[in-house]
Amino acid sequence: MSQKLSLETLESWLWESANIMRGSIDSSDFKNYIFGLIFLKRFNDVFQPA
């Protein structure tokens, strides 16, 4: 028997997981992660295989 997962529960679990993986990083250091993700997203958008 499967149970449905509410959006609020999923969101809570995802935030908690992100906090565990992130650890104690200063908020000013997030730019390093964000810039890397933006670069990868742009690279993916521009160089999509045909």
C-alpha atoms as a PDB file:
ATOM      1  CA  MET A   1       0.000   0.000   0.000  1.00  0.00           C
ATOM      2  CA  SER A   2       1.560   3.317  -1.048  1.00  0.00           C
ATOM      3  CA  GLN A   3       1.121   6.577   0.779  1.00  0.00           C
ATOM      4  CA  LYS A   4       1.015   9.968  -0.884  1.00  0.00           C
ATOM      5  CA  LEU A   5       3.641  12.487   0.078  1.00  0.00           C
ATOM      6  CA  SER A   6       2.379  16.015   0.630  1.00  0.00           C
ATOM      7  CA  LEU A   7       4.161  18.922  -1.006  1.00  0.00           C
ATOM      8  CA  GLU A   8       4.878  20.474   2.378  1.00  0.00           C
ATOM      9  CA  THR A   9       6.505  17.276   3.664  1.00  0.00           C
ATOM     10  CA  LEU A  10       8.621  16.918   0.514  1.00  0.00           C
ATOM     11  CA  GLU A  11       9.704  20.551   0.723  1.00  0.00           C
ATOM     12  CA  SER A  12      10.609  20.126   4.389  1.00  0.00           C
ATOM     13  CA  TRP A  13      12.683  17.016   3.672  1.00  0.00           C
ATOM     14  CA  LEU A  14      14.487  18.703   0.764  1.00  0.00           C
ATOM     15  CA  TRP A  15      15.363  21.792   2.841  1.00  0.00           C
ATOM     16  CA  GLU A  16      16.567  19.610   5.715  1.00  0.00           C
ATOM     17  CA  SER A  17      18.701  17.542   3.318  1.00  0.00           C
ATOM     18  CA  ALA A  18      20.195  20.689   1.789  1.00  0.00           C
ATOM     19  CA  ASN A  19      21.019  22.041   5.252  1.00  0.00           C
ATOM     20  CA  ILE A  20      22.729  18.773   6.208  1.00  0.00           C
ATOM     21  CA  MET A  21      24.816  18.694   3.010  1.00  0.00           C
ATOM     22  CA  ARG A  22      25.619  22.391   3.175  1.00  0.00           C
ATOM     23  CA  GLY A  23      26.827  22.227   6.757  1.00  0.00           C
ATOM     24  CA  SER A  24      28.005  25.410   8.392  1.00  0.00           C
ATOM     25  CA  ILE A  25      28.795  27.529   5.337  1.00  0.00           C
ATOM     26  CA  ASP A  26      28.714  31.284   5.701  1.00  0.00           C
ATOM     27  CA  SER A  27      25.945  32.869   3.643  1.00  0.00           C
ATOM     28  CA  SER A  28      28.463  34.989   1.698  1.00  0.00           C
ATOM     29  CA  ASP A  29      30.073  31.778   0.396  1.00  0.00           C
ATOM     30  CA  PHE A  30      26.897  30.753  -1.424  1.00  0.00           C
ATOM     31  CA  LYS A  31      27.923  32.882  -4.394  1.00  0.00           C
ATOM     32  CA  ASN A  32      30.583  30.286  -5.217  1.00  0.00           C
ATOM     33  CA  TYR A  33      27.913  27.604  -5.537  1.00  0.00           C
ATOM     34  CA  ILE A  34      25.390  29.820  -7.313  1.00  0.00           C
ATOM     35  CA  PHE A  35      27.857  31.077  -9.922  1.00  0.00           C
ATOM     36  CA  GLY A  36      28.923  27.509 -10.664  1.00  0.00           C
ATOM     37  CA  LEU A  37      25.318  26.380 -11.061  1.00  0.00           C
ATOM     38  CA  ILE A  38      24.506  29.349 -13.315  1.00  0.00           C
ATOM     39  CA  PHE A  39      27.534  28.521 -15.482  1.00  0.00           C
ATOM     40  CA  LEU A  40      26.512  24.872 -15.789  1.00  0.00           C
ATOM     41  CA  LYS A  41      22.906  25.832 -16.603  1.00  0.00           C
ATOM     42  CA  ARG A  42      24.040  28.278 -19.302  1.00  0.00           C
ATOM     43  CA  PHE A  43      26.484  25.732 -20.722  1.00  0.00           C
ATOM     44  CA  ASN A  44      23.700  23.155 -20.850  1.00  0.00           C
ATOM     45  CA  ASP A  45      21.286  25.579 -22.555  1.00  0.00           C
ATOM     46  CA  VAL A  46      23.779  26.666 -25.202  1.00  0.00           C
ATOM     47  CA  PHE A  47      25.309  23.300 -26.039  1.00  0.00           C
ATOM     48  CA  GLN A  48      22.263  21.027 -26.153  1.00  0.00           C
ATOM     49  CA  PRO A  49      22.973  17.992 -28.373  1.00  0.00           C
ATOM     50  CA  ALA A  50      20.913  17.946 -31.532  1.00  0.00           C
END
